[in-house]
């Protein structure tokens, strides 16, 4: 079955319209809100300390304010991370320079090396949910609570392992020198913003960046556990892992995934606001079937393809976690039938 026969009209790579204005607006909005939240946190802490309550009451009030705003910050950081994920697939901006520059800076907000993440993530797409081949397996192939609490930390360490492996083994290899240098500059930029710019504004990282990064694994887990956890194992398509370093331009050479008629991930039907905030990452399986498409196409593609192609559907992120907490990373195919969409 051809692409055009399956879904009409499915844009070809050169025909898709990248939502550059929307992406730029969201980046500016989320970064602005993040810094406003940091400023509000510091202002609230200063105000509470000036009121002169007992130390116990003071620290209890500070902890409450910091926890609430840090959680809101994490929702914004996840939103920025999903936009950086668009850059990994080269569909954040059409121009390669701006795509990678913004992608690198956005991932630096979470202290993630951009090009190492691209290698990690594109290899994940090639071997999605294939045991011993998918680089995401060590993140979530654990009991539910271990995966939920520690999956993001393990994923970050795996990406730094890729970065340092390339740094030590390929520092002078063509194609790697520039990537390594840019990753170093991106991470240094993110660290400088948190450790130099914020203190210069009178904002202490102790009350802002630190708590945000501590809470981030929980908010990331809320989203990321509903990417692949509980899905039955996908049959291995090769004997060895084939790392993808860069990947083709989605405007030159891109096609639906060869795993399109398998199920490697979930579709989470959630609120329109969260769908917008996290740039349709809830339609994760649609993205895996059509990884070259910008996020703005995913909802329409899902509606038009769900009666022809297999999808496993969960109702909301919280509902998804409830469904997954008693399951293993590689689920039982018979148990998953209750979640099948029309296809």
Protein backbone atom coordinates (compact mmCIF):
# COMPACT_ATOMS: atom_id res chain seq x y z
CA UNK A 1 0.00 0.00 0.00
CA UNK A 2 1.47 3.36 -0.99
CA UNK A 3 1.52 6.40 1.22
CA UNK A 4 -1.05 8.18 -0.92
CA UNK A 5 -3.35 5.16 -0.83
CA UNK A 6 -3.19 4.97 2.95
CA UNK A 7 -3.70 8.59 3.87
CA UNK A 8 -4.83 11.38 1.62
CA UNK A 9 -3.55 13.98 1.44
CA UNK A 10 -0.29 13.09 3.22
CA UNK A 11 2.28 15.80 2.51
CA UNK A 12 5.47 14.72 0.87
CA UNK A 13 8.67 15.86 2.53
CA UNK A 14 9.14 18.91 0.29
CA UNK A 15 5.47 19.86 0.56
CA UNK A 16 5.11 20.09 4.32
CA UNK A 17 4.89 23.51 5.91
CA UNK A 18 7.04 23.93 9.00
CA UNK A 19 5.18 26.01 11.65
CA UNK A 20 8.19 28.30 12.11
CA UNK A 21 6.23 31.31 13.43
CA UNK A 22 4.32 29.19 15.95
CA UNK A 23 7.50 27.44 17.08
CA UNK A 24 9.33 30.74 17.55
CA UNK A 25 6.38 32.18 19.46
CA UNK A 26 6.25 29.18 21.78
CA UNK A 27 9.99 29.31 22.41
CA UNK A 28 9.82 33.01 23.28
CA UNK A 29 6.72 32.52 25.44
CA UNK A 30 8.01 29.49 27.36
CA UNK A 31 11.45 31.01 28.01
CA UNK A 32 9.86 34.28 29.14
CA UNK A 33 7.46 32.45 31.47
CA UNK A 34 10.33 30.39 32.85
CA UNK A 35 12.34 33.47 33.77
CA UNK A 36 9.26 35.23 35.14
CA UNK A 37 8.67 32.16 37.31
CA UNK A 38 12.27 32.28 38.55
CA UNK A 39 11.85 35.97 39.42
CA UNK A 40 8.51 35.33 41.16
CA UNK A 41 10.05 32.50 43.16
CA UNK A 42 12.90 34.70 44.38
CA UNK A 43 10.51 37.59 45.14
CA UNK A 44 8.25 35.29 47.15
CA UNK A 45 11.22 33.85 49.07
CA UNK A 46 12.48 37.36 49.87
CA UNK A 47 9.01 38.43 51.00
CA UNK A 48 8.54 35.37 53.24
CA UNK A 49 11.95 35.84 54.83
CA UNK A 50 11.18 39.53 55.48
CA UNK A 51 7.96 38.69 57.35
CA UNK A 52 9.96 37.31 60.26
CA UNK A 53 8.02 34.13 61.01
CA UNK A 54 9.63 31.33 62.99
CA UNK A 55 12.24 29.32 61.04
CA UNK A 56 9.90 26.34 60.77
CA UNK A 57 7.02 28.37 59.32
CA UNK A 58 9.35 30.32 57.06
CA UNK A 59 10.92 27.23 55.53
CA UNK A 60 7.56 25.49 55.18
CA UNK A 61 6.16 28.46 53.24
CA UNK A 62 9.29 28.72 51.11
CA UNK A 63 9.18 24.98 50.36
CA UNK A 64 5.54 25.21 49.25
CA UNK A 65 6.13 28.19 46.94
CA UNK A 66 9.30 26.67 45.49
CA UNK A 67 7.64 23.27 44.90
CA UNK A 68 4.60 24.75 43.11
CA UNK A 69 6.62 27.04 40.84
CA UNK A 70 9.29 24.41 40.18
CA UNK A 71 6.57 22.03 38.98
CA UNK A 72 5.20 24.71 36.64
CA UNK A 73 8.76 25.30 35.41
CA UNK A 74 9.08 21.61 34.57
CA UNK A 75 5.97 21.68 32.38
CA UNK A 76 7.58 24.57 30.50
CA UNK A 77 10.93 22.78 30.24
CA UNK A 78 9.24 19.67 28.88
CA UNK A 79 7.50 21.90 26.33
CA UNK A 80 10.87 23.36 25.33
CA UNK A 81 12.32 19.85 25.20
CA UNK A 82 9.62 18.71 22.78
CA UNK A 83 10.44 21.68 20.54
CA UNK A 84 14.13 20.71 20.76
CA UNK A 85 12.99 17.21 19.72
CA UNK A 86 11.47 18.81 16.62
CA UNK A 87 14.91 20.27 15.92
CA UNK A 88 16.46 16.81 16.30
CA UNK A 89 14.23 15.76 13.39
CA UNK A 90 15.09 19.03 11.56
CA UNK A 91 11.51 20.32 11.50
CA UNK A 92 11.71 23.13 14.07
CA UNK A 93 12.85 25.62 11.41
CA UNK A 94 13.40 24.98 7.74
CA UNK A 95 16.86 26.54 7.69
CA UNK A 96 19.41 24.02 9.03
CA UNK A 97 21.49 26.66 10.84
CA UNK A 98 18.56 28.11 12.82
CA UNK A 99 17.09 24.65 13.39
CA UNK A 100 20.26 23.34 15.04
CA UNK A 101 21.09 26.59 16.85
CA UNK A 102 17.70 26.80 18.55
CA UNK A 103 17.62 23.04 19.13
CA UNK A 104 21.02 23.16 20.80
CA UNK A 105 20.09 26.11 23.01
CA UNK A 106 16.74 24.59 23.99
CA UNK A 107 18.29 21.25 24.97
CA UNK A 108 20.92 23.20 26.91
CA UNK A 109 18.10 24.50 29.13
CA UNK A 110 17.85 20.90 30.35
CA UNK A 111 21.66 20.46 30.18
CA UNK A 112 21.27 17.89 27.36
CA UNK A 113 23.92 17.76 24.57
CA UNK A 114 22.02 18.33 21.33
CA UNK A 115 24.02 16.28 18.82
CA UNK A 116 24.48 13.39 21.24
CA UNK A 117 20.71 13.48 21.75
CA UNK A 118 20.18 13.40 17.99
CA UNK A 119 22.36 10.29 17.68
CA UNK A 120 20.58 8.66 20.61
CA UNK A 121 17.09 9.54 19.43
CA UNK A 122 17.42 8.75 15.73
CA UNK A 123 18.96 5.38 16.60
CA UNK A 124 15.95 4.84 18.88
CA UNK A 125 13.66 5.46 15.89
CA UNK A 126 15.56 2.94 13.78
CA UNK A 127 15.24 0.23 16.44
CA UNK A 128 12.10 1.35 18.26
CA UNK A 129 11.12 -1.05 21.06
CA UNK A 130 13.39 -3.84 19.80
CA UNK A 131 15.01 -5.61 22.72
CA UNK A 132 18.79 -5.14 23.01
CA UNK A 133 18.83 -2.75 20.03
CA UNK A 134 16.73 0.23 21.11
CA UNK A 135 19.02 2.65 23.02
CA UNK A 136 16.05 3.68 25.18
CA UNK A 137 15.75 0.18 26.69
CA UNK A 138 18.00 0.94 29.69
CA UNK A 139 15.83 3.96 30.53
CA UNK A 140 12.54 2.23 31.10
CA UNK A 141 13.07 -1.55 30.93
CA UNK A 142 12.58 -1.78 34.70
CA UNK A 143 9.72 -2.04 37.14
CA UNK A 144 7.23 0.81 36.80
CA UNK A 145 8.40 2.93 39.73
CA UNK A 146 12.10 2.57 38.93
CA UNK A 147 11.42 3.55 35.33
CA UNK A 148 9.19 6.46 36.36
CA UNK A 149 11.56 7.91 38.94
CA UNK A 150 14.94 7.23 37.32
CA UNK A 151 14.27 6.83 33.59
CA UNK A 152 15.10 10.42 32.70
CA UNK A 153 18.33 10.33 34.75
CA UNK A 154 19.44 7.14 33.01
CA UNK A 155 18.56 8.66 29.62
CA UNK A 156 20.64 11.76 30.37
CA UNK A 157 23.61 9.64 31.43
CA UNK A 158 23.33 7.55 28.24
CA UNK A 159 23.45 10.69 26.12
CA UNK A 160 26.50 11.99 27.95
CA UNK A 161 28.10 8.60 27.43
CA UNK A 162 27.58 9.06 23.69
CA UNK A 163 29.03 12.56 23.95
CA UNK A 164 32.16 11.49 25.85
CA UNK A 165 32.63 8.39 23.68
CA UNK A 166 32.65 10.58 20.59
CA UNK A 167 34.87 13.13 22.33
CA UNK A 168 37.49 10.53 23.25
CA UNK A 169 37.30 8.31 20.16
CA UNK A 170 36.41 10.72 17.36
CA UNK A 171 37.64 14.21 18.26
CA UNK A 172 39.37 14.72 14.89
CA UNK A 173 37.05 12.66 12.73
CA UNK A 174 35.34 14.61 9.96
CA UNK A 175 31.76 15.43 10.87
CA UNK A 176 32.31 15.00 14.61
CA UNK A 177 34.62 17.90 15.43
CA UNK A 178 32.00 20.56 14.77
CA UNK A 179 29.24 18.60 16.54
CA UNK A 180 31.38 18.08 19.64
CA UNK A 181 32.47 21.71 19.77
CA UNK A 182 28.91 22.97 19.37
CA UNK A 183 27.61 20.61 22.06
CA UNK A 184 30.27 21.93 24.45
CA UNK A 185 29.33 25.53 23.66
CA UNK A 186 25.61 24.81 24.04
CA UNK A 187 26.03 23.17 27.46
CA UNK A 188 28.35 25.96 28.64
CA UNK A 189 25.75 28.50 27.52
CA UNK A 190 23.00 26.75 29.50
CA UNK A 191 25.22 26.52 32.57
CA UNK A 192 26.20 30.19 32.24
CA UNK A 193 22.56 31.27 32.12
CA UNK A 194 21.75 29.35 35.28
CA UNK A 195 24.93 30.07 37.25
CA UNK A 196 25.88 33.57 36.05
CA UNK A 197 22.93 35.37 34.44
CA UNK A 198 20.33 34.46 37.07
CA UNK A 199 22.52 35.48 40.06
CA UNK A 200 23.29 38.75 38.23
CA UNK A 201 19.51 39.33 38.15
CA UNK A 202 19.32 38.72 41.91
CA UNK A 203 17.81 35.25 41.47
CA UNK A 204 19.37 32.40 43.42
CA UNK A 205 19.67 29.05 41.60
CA UNK A 206 19.19 27.44 45.02
CA UNK A 207 15.49 28.34 45.01
CA UNK A 208 14.86 28.17 41.25
CA UNK A 209 17.08 26.04 39.02
CA UNK A 210 17.97 23.45 41.67
CA UNK A 211 14.39 22.54 42.69
CA UNK A 212 13.27 22.65 39.05
CA UNK A 213 15.91 20.12 38.00
CA UNK A 214 15.01 17.92 40.99
CA UNK A 215 11.32 17.86 40.07
CA UNK A 216 11.95 17.52 36.33
CA UNK A 217 12.34 13.69 36.34
CA UNK A 218 8.81 13.37 37.76
CA UNK A 219 7.18 15.61 35.14
CA UNK A 220 9.30 14.06 32.40
CA UNK A 221 8.24 10.63 33.64
CA UNK A 222 4.57 11.65 33.50
CA UNK A 223 5.03 12.19 29.78
CA UNK A 224 7.79 9.78 28.77
CA UNK A 225 6.37 6.67 30.45
CA UNK A 226 3.48 6.95 28.01
CA UNK A 227 5.78 6.82 24.98
CA UNK A 228 6.60 3.08 24.89
CA UNK A 229 6.12 1.48 28.32
CA UNK A 230 3.90 -1.61 28.24
CA UNK A 231 4.04 -2.05 24.45
CA UNK A 232 4.74 -5.63 23.28
CA UNK A 233 8.25 -6.26 21.99
CA UNK A 234 8.76 -5.43 18.32
CA UNK A 235 10.49 -8.16 16.30
CA UNK A 236 14.14 -7.36 15.76
CA UNK A 237 14.82 -6.24 12.19
CA UNK A 238 18.61 -6.57 12.37
CA UNK A 239 21.21 -8.48 14.35
CA UNK A 240 23.21 -5.43 15.40
CA UNK A 241 22.38 -1.87 16.35
CA UNK A 242 23.04 0.62 13.59
CA UNK A 243 23.67 4.05 15.05
CA UNK A 244 22.21 7.01 13.19
CA UNK A 245 24.52 9.99 13.57
CA UNK A 246 22.72 12.68 11.60
CA UNK A 247 19.82 11.41 9.50
CA UNK A 248 18.56 12.82 6.20
CA UNK A 249 16.95 16.17 5.72
CA UNK A 250 13.16 15.76 5.94
CA UNK A 251 12.91 17.95 2.83
CA UNK A 252 15.15 15.76 0.70
CA UNK A 253 14.84 12.11 1.70
CA UNK A 254 12.21 11.06 4.18
CA UNK A 255 9.54 8.39 4.20
CA UNK A 256 7.15 6.81 6.70
CA UNK A 257 8.92 4.46 9.10
CA UNK A 258 9.46 0.86 7.94
CA UNK A 259 7.88 -0.04 11.32
CA UNK A 260 4.71 1.80 10.32
CA UNK A 261 2.46 -1.27 10.49
CA UNK A 262 3.86 -2.30 13.87
CA UNK A 263 2.97 -0.64 17.15
CA UNK A 264 5.99 0.76 18.97
CA UNK A 265 4.36 3.44 21.15
CA UNK A 266 1.19 4.97 22.53
CA UNK A 267 -1.32 7.61 21.54
CA UNK A 268 -2.50 9.50 24.62
CA UNK A 269 -5.74 11.40 24.10
CA UNK A 270 -5.35 14.45 26.34
CA UNK A 271 -6.62 18.03 26.71
CA UNK A 272 -6.15 20.49 23.82
CA UNK A 273 -4.10 22.76 26.10
CA UNK A 274 -1.59 20.05 27.08
CA UNK A 275 -1.49 18.90 23.47
CA UNK A 276 -0.50 22.44 22.45
CA UNK A 277 1.89 22.95 25.38
CA UNK A 278 3.76 19.75 24.58
CA UNK A 279 3.49 20.10 20.78
CA UNK A 280 1.48 16.91 20.13
CA UNK A 281 4.06 14.60 21.72
CA UNK A 282 1.05 12.73 23.14
CA UNK A 283 0.58 11.35 19.61
CA UNK A 284 3.88 9.55 19.97
CA UNK A 285 3.06 6.53 17.85
CA UNK A 286 1.93 8.77 14.99
CA UNK A 287 5.31 10.50 15.19
CA UNK A 288 7.06 7.14 15.05
CA UNK A 289 5.10 6.13 11.96
CA UNK A 290 5.79 9.48 10.24
CA UNK A 291 8.96 10.89 11.88
CA UNK A 292 9.67 13.38 9.10
CA UNK A 293 6.45 15.34 9.69
CA UNK A 294 6.25 18.47 11.84
CA UNK A 295 4.12 18.10 14.97
CA UNK A 296 1.26 20.18 13.52
CA UNK A 297 0.40 17.34 11.11
CA UNK A 298 0.19 14.55 13.67
CA UNK A 299 -3.39 15.01 14.89
CA UNK A 300 -4.84 15.04 11.39
CA UNK A 301 -2.74 12.06 10.35
CA UNK A 302 -3.95 10.16 13.41
CA UNK A 303 -7.60 10.86 12.64
CA UNK A 304 -7.20 9.84 9.01
CA UNK A 305 -5.08 6.73 9.58
CA UNK A 306 -6.52 5.15 12.74
CA UNK A 307 -8.92 2.96 10.76
CA UNK A 308 -6.08 1.67 8.53
CA UNK A 309 -3.06 1.45 10.79
CA UNK A 310 -2.67 0.01 14.31
CA UNK A 311 -2.66 2.34 17.34
CA UNK A 312 -2.82 1.70 21.07
CA UNK A 313 -4.77 4.49 22.77
CA UNK A 314 -4.78 5.67 26.39
CA UNK A 315 -7.14 8.25 27.89
CA UNK A 316 -5.03 11.00 29.45
CA UNK A 317 -1.52 10.89 30.91
CA UNK A 318 -2.73 10.09 34.43
CA UNK A 319 -5.00 7.36 33.08
CA UNK A 320 -2.10 6.04 31.06
CA UNK A 321 0.11 5.79 34.17
CA UNK A 322 -2.67 3.95 36.02
CA UNK A 323 -2.83 1.44 33.17
CA UNK A 324 0.93 0.97 33.07
CA UNK A 325 1.82 0.69 36.76
CA UNK A 326 1.02 -3.04 36.92
CA UNK A 327 2.68 -3.87 33.61
CA UNK A 328 6.18 -4.60 32.42
CA UNK A 329 8.09 -2.52 29.88
CA UNK A 330 7.49 -5.19 27.23
CA UNK A 331 3.78 -5.87 27.50
CA UNK A 332 1.60 -8.88 26.76
CA UNK A 333 0.14 -8.65 23.23
CA UNK A 334 -3.19 -10.15 24.34
CA UNK A 335 -3.45 -7.68 27.22
CA UNK A 336 -2.93 -4.77 24.81
CA UNK A 337 -5.88 -5.62 22.60
CA UNK A 338 -8.24 -3.64 24.86
CA UNK A 339 -6.36 -0.45 23.90
CA UNK A 340 -6.48 -0.92 20.14
CA UNK A 341 -8.04 1.87 18.10
CA UNK A 342 -10.27 1.07 15.12
CA UNK A 343 -7.34 -0.07 12.96
